[in-house]
């Protein structure tokens, strides 16, 4: 599950505008607004794929928008 979430993070990190959107996203229109951004549809697809496989479970508080020190 954790490795699959890193796949989502790999997609998100390619698009700075998506990372910026996450800081002020609307709960009501999250996916609709995200899909309008460059890389947004790819990000949506990646998130939905993750949720389809694992649901709302998550191994802890993980910030997918930054590279962890151990990833360098």
Protein backbone atom coordinates (compact mmCIF):
# COMPACT_ATOMS: atom_id res chain seq x y z
CA UNK A 1 0.00 0.00 0.00
CA UNK A 2 2.80 2.41 0.86
CA UNK A 3 4.60 1.77 -2.41
CA UNK A 4 1.38 2.34 -4.33
CA UNK A 5 0.98 5.70 -2.60
CA UNK A 6 4.49 6.57 -3.73
CA UNK A 7 3.31 5.95 -7.30
CA UNK A 8 0.66 8.64 -6.72
CA UNK A 9 3.34 10.92 -5.29
CA UNK A 10 5.51 10.40 -8.36
CA UNK A 11 2.68 11.71 -10.54
CA UNK A 12 1.87 14.65 -8.26
CA UNK A 13 5.46 15.87 -7.96
CA UNK A 14 5.73 16.34 -11.73
CA UNK A 15 3.19 19.17 -11.60
CA UNK A 16 3.95 22.15 -9.33
CA UNK A 17 0.56 23.67 -10.11
CA UNK A 18 -1.12 20.54 -8.71
CA UNK A 19 0.98 20.76 -5.55
CA UNK A 20 -0.04 24.41 -5.17
CA UNK A 21 -3.71 23.49 -5.68
CA UNK A 22 -3.55 21.02 -2.79
CA UNK A 23 -2.89 23.88 -0.36
CA UNK A 24 -6.24 25.53 -1.10
CA UNK A 25 -8.39 22.79 -2.64
CA UNK A 26 -12.15 22.79 -2.23
CA UNK A 27 -13.66 19.62 -0.76
CA UNK A 28 -16.83 20.10 -2.79
CA UNK A 29 -15.12 20.38 -6.19
CA UNK A 30 -11.73 18.79 -5.55
CA UNK A 31 -11.57 16.41 -8.50
CA UNK A 32 -13.41 18.71 -10.92
CA UNK A 33 -11.04 21.61 -10.23
CA UNK A 34 -7.98 19.36 -10.17
CA UNK A 35 -8.82 17.90 -13.58
CA UNK A 36 -8.71 21.39 -15.13
CA UNK A 37 -5.05 21.92 -14.20
CA UNK A 38 -2.02 20.87 -16.25
CA UNK A 39 -1.37 17.31 -15.08
CA UNK A 40 -4.60 17.36 -13.12
CA UNK A 41 -6.36 14.60 -15.01
CA UNK A 42 -3.33 12.32 -14.70
CA UNK A 43 -3.26 13.10 -10.97
CA UNK A 44 -6.99 12.38 -10.64
CA UNK A 45 -6.56 9.06 -12.43
CA UNK A 46 -3.67 8.13 -10.15
CA UNK A 47 -5.60 9.03 -7.00
CA UNK A 48 -8.72 7.15 -8.14
CA UNK A 49 -6.62 4.11 -9.03
CA UNK A 50 -5.10 4.15 -5.54
CA UNK A 51 -8.49 4.59 -3.88
CA UNK A 52 -9.95 1.83 -6.04
CA UNK A 53 -7.30 -0.57 -4.82
CA UNK A 54 -6.94 0.49 -1.19
CA UNK A 55 -9.88 2.69 -0.29
CA UNK A 56 -9.35 5.39 2.30
CA UNK A 57 -6.73 3.43 4.25
CA UNK A 58 -3.31 5.01 4.56
CA UNK A 59 -0.21 3.91 6.46
CA UNK A 60 0.03 7.24 8.28
CA UNK A 61 0.36 10.91 7.66
CA UNK A 62 2.28 11.09 4.40
CA UNK A 63 2.92 14.30 2.48
CA UNK A 64 3.09 13.17 -1.14
CA UNK A 65 4.04 16.64 -2.34
CA UNK A 66 7.62 16.60 -1.03
CA UNK A 67 10.58 14.34 -1.55
CA UNK A 68 11.65 12.63 1.65
CA UNK A 69 15.35 12.82 2.56
CA UNK A 70 15.73 9.05 2.17
CA UNK A 71 14.51 9.29 -1.44
CA UNK A 72 17.52 11.36 -2.55
